[in-house]
Amino acid sequence: MNQRHTSPLPPCRRWALLGGLAAATFAPLLNTAPVAAHMKGMFKTKLEAEQRAAELKCKGAFAMGSLWMPCANEQVLHKALQNE
C-alpha cells in the first residue's frame, strides 16, 4: 500500500515558507559584534572619526575605503569598544 504525503501548500510555496523561516531565525545571528562595531564606527570625515577616538580614549583615525574609523587601527578600535 503506497501512501503519498500531501500538503495544503504546493512545493514551491513550501520552499518559500521554509526559506523565510530560516532567514527570520538566522538573520539575528549574522549581526556579530565586530560588524555592529563597524557600522557604528564609520564616519564620512577624518575629523569626525578623531572626535570619536577621543571619546573612546584612543588616538588617531584610519581609512576604511572611503570612510574613516576612530583609533590608530582596527585592533585598537575593537579593544576600545570592548572597554566602553
C-alpha atoms as a PDB file:
ATOM      1  CA  MET A   1       0.000   0.000   0.000  1.00  0.00           C
ATOM      2  CA  ASN A   2       1.564   3.262  -1.139  1.00  0.00           C
ATOM      3  CA  GLN A   3       0.732   6.360   0.814  1.00  0.00           C
ATOM      4  CA  ARG A   4       1.545   9.678  -0.679  1.00  0.00           C
ATOM      5  CA  HIS A   5       2.309  12.658   1.536  1.00  0.00           C
ATOM      6  CA  THR A   6       0.048  15.530   0.723  1.00  0.00           C
ATOM      7  CA  SER A   7       0.380  19.088   1.885  1.00  0.00           C
ATOM      8  CA  PRO A   8      -2.030  22.010   1.659  1.00  0.00           C
ATOM      9  CA  LEU A   9       0.799  24.049   0.076  1.00  0.00           C
ATOM     10  CA  PRO A  10       2.296  23.415  -3.356  1.00  0.00           C
ATOM     11  CA  PRO A  11       6.041  22.536  -3.282  1.00  0.00           C
ATOM     12  CA  CYS A  12       7.219  25.981  -4.422  1.00  0.00           C
ATOM     13  CA  ARG A  13       5.235  27.667  -1.636  1.00  0.00           C
ATOM     14  CA  ARG A  14       6.629  25.231   0.949  1.00  0.00           C
ATOM     15  CA  TRP A  15      10.206  26.097  -0.067  1.00  0.00           C
ATOM     16  CA  ALA A  16       9.436  29.807   0.063  1.00  0.00           C
ATOM     17  CA  LEU A  17       7.956  29.396   3.544  1.00  0.00           C
ATOM     18  CA  LEU A  18      10.952  27.354   4.732  1.00  0.00           C
ATOM     19  CA  GLY A  19      13.348  29.944   3.304  1.00  0.00           C
ATOM     20  CA  GLY A  20      11.515  32.743   5.056  1.00  0.00           C
ATOM     21  CA  LEU A  21      11.528  30.890   8.362  1.00  0.00           C
ATOM     22  CA  ALA A  22      15.254  30.157   8.029  1.00  0.00           C
ATOM     23  CA  ALA A  23      16.012  33.799   7.243  1.00  0.00           C
ATOM     24  CA  ALA A  24      13.972  35.036  10.211  1.00  0.00           C
ATOM     25  CA  THR A  25      15.640  32.518  12.502  1.00  0.00           C
ATOM     26  CA  PHE A  26      19.255  33.020  11.497  1.00  0.00           C
ATOM     27  CA  ALA A  27      19.382  36.705  10.486  1.00  0.00           C
ATOM     28  CA  PRO A  28      19.977  37.927  14.071  1.00  0.00           C
ATOM     29  CA  LEU A  29      22.975  35.595  14.328  1.00  0.00           C
ATOM     30  CA  LEU A  30      24.617  37.307  11.374  1.00  0.00           C
ATOM     31  CA  ASN A  31      24.803  40.623  13.217  1.00  0.00           C
ATOM     32  CA  THR A  32      28.013  39.920  15.106  1.00  0.00           C
ATOM     33  CA  ALA A  33      29.714  42.404  17.392  1.00  0.00           C
ATOM     34  CA  PRO A  34      32.563  43.366  15.020  1.00  0.00           C
ATOM     35  CA  VAL A  35      30.104  44.094  12.234  1.00  0.00           C
ATOM     36  CA  ALA A  36      27.955  46.195  14.555  1.00  0.00           C
ATOM     37  CA  ALA A  37      31.064  47.994  15.768  1.00  0.00           C
ATOM     38  CA  HIS A  38      31.974  48.849  12.196  1.00  0.00           C
ATOM     39  CA  MET A  39      28.554  50.243  11.415  1.00  0.00           C
ATOM     40  CA  LYS A  40      28.640  52.461  14.494  1.00  0.00           C
ATOM     41  CA  GLY A  41      32.271  53.455  13.998  1.00  0.00           C
ATOM     42  CA  MET A  42      32.371  54.639  10.399  1.00  0.00           C
ATOM     43  CA  PHE A  43      32.439  58.324   9.627  1.00  0.00           C
ATOM     44  CA  LYS A  44      32.465  60.438   6.488  1.00  0.00           C
ATOM     45  CA  THR A  45      35.330  62.641   7.650  1.00  0.00           C
ATOM     46  CA  LYS A  46      38.626  62.067   9.410  1.00  0.00           C
ATOM     47  CA  LEU A  47      37.752  64.799  11.924  1.00  0.00           C
ATOM     48  CA  GLU A  48      34.556  63.011  12.991  1.00  0.00           C
ATOM     49  CA  ALA A  49      36.499  59.778  13.460  1.00  0.00           C
ATOM     50  CA  GLU A  50      39.151  61.569  15.528  1.00  0.00           C
ATOM     51  CA  GLN A  51      36.445  63.107  17.730  1.00  0.00           C
ATOM     52  CA  ARG A  52      35.007  59.640  18.339  1.00  0.00           C
ATOM     53  CA  ALA A  53      38.522  58.374  19.069  1.00  0.00           C
ATOM     54  CA  ALA A  54      38.820  60.954  21.855  1.00  0.00           C
ATOM     55  CA  GLU A  55      35.534  59.670  23.341  1.00  0.00           C
ATOM     56  CA  LEU A  56      36.892  56.111  23.175  1.00  0.00           C
ATOM     57  CA  LYS A  57      40.161  57.231  24.804  1.00  0.00           C
ATOM     58  CA  CYS A  58      42.290  56.262  21.804  1.00  0.00           C
ATOM     59  CA  LYS A  59      44.101  58.447  19.273  1.00  0.00           C
ATOM     60  CA  GLY A  60      44.004  58.894  15.543  1.00  0.00           C
ATOM     61  CA  ALA A  61      41.812  57.687  12.717  1.00  0.00           C
ATOM     62  CA  PHE A  62      42.281  55.271   9.839  1.00  0.00           C
ATOM     63  CA  ALA A  63      40.668  54.970   6.437  1.00  0.00           C
ATOM     64  CA  MET A  64      38.358  52.098   5.591  1.00  0.00           C
ATOM     65  CA  GLY A  65      37.570  52.513   1.919  1.00  0.00           C
ATOM     66  CA  SER A  66      36.066  55.972   1.518  1.00  0.00           C
ATOM     67  CA  LEU A  67      35.095  56.229   5.209  1.00  0.00           C
ATOM     68  CA  TRP A  68      37.063  56.851   8.402  1.00  0.00           C
ATOM     69  CA  MET A  69      37.218  54.899  11.636  1.00  0.00           C
ATOM     70  CA  PRO A  70      38.472  56.049  15.047  1.00  0.00           C
ATOM     71  CA  CYS A  71      41.728  54.930  16.733  1.00  0.00           C
ATOM     72  CA  ALA A  72      45.090  54.116  15.181  1.00  0.00           C
ATOM     73  CA  ASN A  73      43.920  50.840  13.635  1.00  0.00           C
ATOM     74  CA  GLU A  74      41.147  48.266  13.737  1.00  0.00           C
ATOM     75  CA  GLN A  75      42.686  46.228  16.546  1.00  0.00           C
ATOM     76  CA  VAL A  76      42.910  49.268  18.828  1.00  0.00           C
ATOM     77  CA  LEU A  77      39.362  50.270  17.891  1.00  0.00           C
ATOM     78  CA  HIS A  78      37.904  46.887  18.861  1.00  0.00           C
ATOM     79  CA  LYS A  79      39.752  46.952  22.178  1.00  0.00           C
ATOM     80  CA  ALA A  80      38.482  50.482  22.881  1.00  0.00           C
ATOM     81  CA  LEU A  81      34.901  49.448  22.028  1.00  0.00           C
ATOM     82  CA  GLN A  82      35.117  46.492  24.399  1.00  0.00           C
ATOM     83  CA  ASN A  83      36.247  48.822  27.188  1.00  0.00           C
ATOM     84  CA  GLU A  84      33.485  51.344  26.517  1.00  0.00           C
END
